[in-house]
C-alpha atoms as a PDB file:
ATOM      1  CA  MET A   1     142.911  71.500  52.029  1.00  0.00           C
ATOM      2  CA  ILE A   2     144.150  73.560  49.117  1.00  0.00           C
ATOM      3  CA  GLU A   3     141.664  76.362  48.666  1.00  0.00           C
ATOM      4  CA  GLU A   4     141.405  76.013  44.876  1.00  0.00           C
ATOM      5  CA  LYS A   5     140.241  72.434  45.427  1.00  0.00           C
ATOM      6  CA  PHE A   6     137.494  73.567  47.804  1.00  0.00           C
ATOM      7  CA  LEU A   7     135.110  74.602  45.027  1.00  0.00           C
ATOM      8  CA  GLU A   8     136.127  71.812  42.688  1.00  0.00           C
ATOM      9  CA  ILE A   9     134.674  69.072  44.912  1.00  0.00           C
ATOM     10  CA  LEU A  10     131.171  70.463  44.524  1.00  0.00           C
ATOM     11  CA  PRO A  11     128.832  68.525  42.216  1.00  0.00           C
ATOM     12  CA  GLU A  12     128.065  69.499  38.630  1.00  0.00           C
ATOM     13  CA  ASN A  13     124.877  71.353  39.562  1.00  0.00           C
ATOM     14  CA  PHE A  14     127.096  74.062  41.109  1.00  0.00           C
ATOM     15  CA  ARG A  15     129.012  74.652  37.852  1.00  0.00           C
ATOM     16  CA  HIS A  16     127.819  78.241  37.275  1.00  0.00           C
ATOM     17  CA  GLU A  17     128.507  79.288  40.847  1.00  0.00           C
ATOM     18  CA  LYS A  18     131.922  77.600  40.835  1.00  0.00           C
ATOM     19  CA  SER A  19     133.022  79.258  37.600  1.00  0.00           C
ATOM     20  CA  PHE A  20     131.825  82.676  38.763  1.00  0.00           C
ATOM     21  CA  LEU A  21     133.475  82.418  42.191  1.00  0.00           C
ATOM     22  CA  ILE A  22     136.747  81.169  40.717  1.00  0.00           C
ATOM     23  CA  LYS A  23     136.704  83.918  38.091  1.00  0.00           C
ATOM     24  CA  LYS A  24     136.166  86.548  40.817  1.00  0.00           C
ATOM     25  CA  LYS A  25     138.866  84.898  42.976  1.00  0.00           C
ATOM     26  CA  LEU A  26     136.374  84.091  45.748  1.00  0.00           C
ATOM     27  CA  ASN A  27     137.644  80.539  46.175  1.00  0.00           C
ATOM     28  CA  ASP A  28     138.898  80.979  49.742  1.00  0.00           C
ATOM     29  CA  PHE A  29     136.589  79.070  52.088  1.00  0.00           C
ATOM     30  CA  LYS A  30     137.169  81.590  54.891  1.00  0.00           C
ATOM     31  CA  ARG A  31     136.046  84.468  52.680  1.00  0.00           C
ATOM     32  CA  LEU A  32     133.093  82.462  51.348  1.00  0.00           C
ATOM     33  CA  SER A  33     131.891  81.671  54.869  1.00  0.00           C
ATOM     34  CA  GLN A  34     131.801  85.393  55.676  1.00  0.00           C
ATOM     35  CA  LEU A  35     129.658  86.459  52.714  1.00  0.00           C
ATOM     36  CA  SER A  36     126.501  88.249  53.809  1.00  0.00           C
ATOM     37  CA  ASP A  37     123.051  87.746  52.334  1.00  0.00           C
ATOM     38  CA  SER A  38     123.320  91.100  50.574  1.00  0.00           C
ATOM     39  CA  GLU A  39     126.635  90.081  48.987  1.00  0.00           C
ATOM     40  CA  LEU A  40     125.057  86.820  47.810  1.00  0.00           C
ATOM     41  CA  ASN A  41     122.172  88.822  46.317  1.00  0.00           C
ATOM     42  CA  ILE A  42     124.633  91.059  44.471  1.00  0.00           C
ATOM     43  CA  ILE A  43     126.472  88.019  43.095  1.00  0.00           C
ATOM     44  CA  GLN A  44     123.202  86.449  41.989  1.00  0.00           C
ATOM     45  CA  LYS A  45     122.060  89.659  40.277  1.00  0.00           C
ATOM     46  CA  SER A  46     125.383  90.220  38.527  1.00  0.00           C
ATOM     47  CA  HIS A  47     125.525  86.663  37.188  1.00  0.00           C
ATOM     48  CA  SER A  48     122.021  85.420  36.496  1.00  0.00           C
ATOM     49  CA  LEU A  49     123.071  81.778  36.047  1.00  0.00           C
ATOM     50  CA  CYS A  50     124.047  81.609  39.714  1.00  0.00           C
ATOM     51  CA  THR A  51     121.173  80.659  41.971  1.00  0.00           C
ATOM     52  CA  LEU A  52     120.757  82.128  45.418  1.00  0.00           C
ATOM     53  CA  ASN A  53     120.004  78.671  46.827  1.00  0.00           C
ATOM     54  CA  ASN A  54     123.295  77.233  45.540  1.00  0.00           C
ATOM     55  CA  LEU A  55     125.251  80.276  46.739  1.00  0.00           C
ATOM     56  CA  ARG A  56     123.771  79.822  50.225  1.00  0.00           C
ATOM     57  CA  LYS A  57     124.708  76.135  50.174  1.00  0.00           C
ATOM     58  CA  ILE A  58     128.289  76.989  49.197  1.00  0.00           C
ATOM     59  CA  ARG A  59     128.421  79.522  52.049  1.00  0.00           C
ATOM     60  CA  ALA A  60     127.056  76.914  54.498  1.00  0.00           C
ATOM     61  CA  ILE A  61     129.640  74.342  53.369  1.00  0.00           C
ATOM     62  CA  ALA A  62     132.395  76.933  53.747  1.00  0.00           C
ATOM     63  CA  ASN A  63     131.055  77.891  57.168  1.00  0.00           C
ATOM     64  CA  PHE A  64     131.084  74.266  58.370  1.00  0.00           C
ATOM     65  CA  LYS A  65     134.619  73.864  57.015  1.00  0.00           C
ATOM     66  CA  ASN A  66     135.801  77.101  58.594  1.00  0.00           C
ATOM     67  CA  GLU A  67     134.095  76.814  61.999  1.00  0.00           C
ATOM     68  CA  LEU A  68     134.070  73.053  62.635  1.00  0.00           C
ATOM     69  CA  SER A  69     137.129  72.040  60.595  1.00  0.00           C
ATOM     70  CA  ILE A  70     135.240  69.274  58.812  1.00  0.00           C
ATOM     71  CA  THR A  71     135.732  68.308  55.196  1.00  0.00           C
ATOM     72  CA  PRO A  72     133.541  69.739  52.438  1.00  0.00           C
ATOM     73  CA  TYR A  73     132.211  66.207  51.839  1.00  0.00           C
ATOM     74  CA  GLU A  74     131.043  65.984  55.444  1.00  0.00           C
ATOM     75  CA  SER A  75     129.584  69.500  55.197  1.00  0.00           C
ATOM     76  CA  TYR A  76     127.681  68.563  52.073  1.00  0.00           C
ATOM     77  CA  LEU A  77     126.366  65.475  53.868  1.00  0.00           C
ATOM     78  CA  LEU A  78     125.068  67.679  56.694  1.00  0.00           C
ATOM     79  CA  LEU A  79     123.298  69.878  54.149  1.00  0.00           C
ATOM     80  CA  HIS A  80     121.635  66.866  52.577  1.00  0.00           C
ATOM     81  CA  CYS A  81     120.431  65.802  56.018  1.00  0.00           C
ATOM     82  CA  GLY A  82     118.731  69.157  56.524  1.00  0.00           C
ATOM     83  CA  ILE A  83     121.347  70.874  58.678  1.00  0.00           C
ATOM     84  CA  GLY A  84     122.232  74.224  57.112  1.00  0.00           C
ATOM     85  CA  SER A  85     123.914  76.095  59.943  1.00  0.00           C
ATOM     86  CA  ILE A  86     126.041  75.730  63.044  1.00  0.00           C
ATOM     87  CA  GLN A  87     122.999  76.680  65.156  1.00  0.00           C
ATOM     88  CA  SER A  88     120.838  73.909  63.697  1.00  0.00           C
ATOM     89  CA  LEU A  89     123.639  71.402  64.301  1.00  0.00           C
ATOM     90  CA  SER A  90     124.055  72.513  67.910  1.00  0.00           C
ATOM     91  CA  ILE A  91     120.468  71.629  68.897  1.00  0.00           C
ATOM     92  CA  LEU A  92     120.635  68.051  67.631  1.00  0.00           C
ATOM     93  CA  ASN A  93     121.725  65.028  69.546  1.00  0.00           C
ATOM     94  CA  PRO A  94     124.190  62.617  67.932  1.00  0.00           C
ATOM     95  CA  TYR A  95     121.721  59.744  67.743  1.00  0.00           C
ATOM     96  CA  ASP A  96     119.213  61.818  65.771  1.00  0.00           C
ATOM     97  CA  LEU A  97     121.955  62.980  63.431  1.00  0.00           C
ATOM     98  CA  LYS A  98     123.185  59.417  62.905  1.00  0.00           C
ATOM     99  CA  GLU A  99     119.601  58.410  62.140  1.00  0.00           C
ATOM    100  CA  ARG A 100     119.264  61.226  59.593  1.00  0.00           C
ATOM    101  CA  ILE A 101     122.459  60.140  57.851  1.00  0.00           C
ATOM    102  CA  GLY A 102     121.264  56.532  57.816  1.00  0.00           C
ATOM    103  CA  ARG A 103     117.898  57.599  56.392  1.00  0.00           C
ATOM    104  CA  LEU A 104     119.669  59.571  53.672  1.00  0.00           C
ATOM    105  CA  GLU A 105     121.854  56.584  52.797  1.00  0.00           C
ATOM    106  CA  ARG A 106     118.829  54.304  52.612  1.00  0.00           C
ATOM    107  CA  SER A 107     116.872  56.725  50.430  1.00  0.00           C
ATOM    108  CA  LEU A 108     119.846  57.081  48.086  1.00  0.00           C
ATOM    109  CA  ARG A 109     120.515  53.334  48.323  1.00  0.00           C
ATOM    110  CA  THR A 110     124.188  53.982  48.802  1.00  0.00           C
ATOM    111  CA  LYS A 111     126.736  54.236  51.591  1.00  0.00           C
ATOM    112  CA  THR A 112     128.412  57.607  52.100  1.00  0.00           C
ATOM    113  CA  GLN A 113     132.120  57.726  51.417  1.00  0.00           C
ATOM    114  CA  THR A 114     132.853  59.324  54.763  1.00  0.00           C
ATOM    115  CA  ASN A 115     133.542  57.246  57.847  1.00  0.00           C
ATOM    116  CA  ILE A 116     131.378  59.040  60.397  1.00  0.00           C
ATOM    117  CA  THR A 117     131.038  57.477  63.828  1.00  0.00           C
ATOM    118  CA  LEU A 118     128.832  58.435  66.734  1.00  0.00           C
ATOM    119  CA  SER A 119     131.827  59.917  68.554  1.00  0.00           C
ATOM    120  CA  THR A 120     132.595  62.081  65.506  1.00  0.00           C
ATOM    121  CA  LEU A 121     129.032  63.364  65.522  1.00  0.00           C
ATOM    122  CA  LYS A 122     129.240  64.066  69.267  1.00  0.00           C
ATOM    123  CA  ASP A 123     132.414  66.071  68.648  1.00  0.00           C
ATOM    124  CA  TRP A 124     130.783  68.114  65.859  1.00  0.00           C
ATOM    125  CA  ILE A 125     127.765  68.895  68.024  1.00  0.00           C
ATOM    126  CA  LYS A 126     129.963  69.779  70.996  1.00  0.00           C
ATOM    127  CA  ARG A 127     132.006  72.209  68.863  1.00  0.00           C
ATOM    128  CA  ALA A 128     128.810  73.683  67.390  1.00  0.00           C
ATOM    129  CA  ASN A 129     127.479  74.235  70.929  1.00  0.00           C
ATOM    130  CA  GLU A 130     130.709  75.975  71.938  1.00  0.00           C
ATOM    131  CA  ILE A 131     130.526  78.237  68.895  1.00  0.00           C
ATOM    132  CA  CYS A 132     126.880  79.119  69.591  1.00  0.00           C
ATOM    133  CA  LYS A 133     127.624  79.908  73.235  1.00  0.00           C
ATOM    134  CA  SER A 134     130.524  82.187  72.290  1.00  0.00           C
ATOM    135  CA  ILE A 135     128.351  84.257  69.970  1.00  0.00           C
END
């Protein structure tokens, strides 16, 4: 994925964070995934329209993209299902995750645009487990 496009796929409620990160040339998903909490605090303090919660979500999406090689759309879906880190993904089983995605779709009354199968979820969880064990 072209790195400039990475931030552009985020919804409108991330507009302040997107404009700030693009302006500061922090649109590389690898660099975004490596931002520390203190760096996020500095960004939030220097640009008051950026929220710490949204900056953490952007970092989590970048981390999923960087570590698991999944699309930002799939990463955003994981966030909406309550999975905010590789560690939290690694402790789930694929059936629970599929159920969470289904529950999200039913509550939104829409079908997600991603084609996620049980085997895809198993692969994500397996890779998350490998990453957690290597740490």
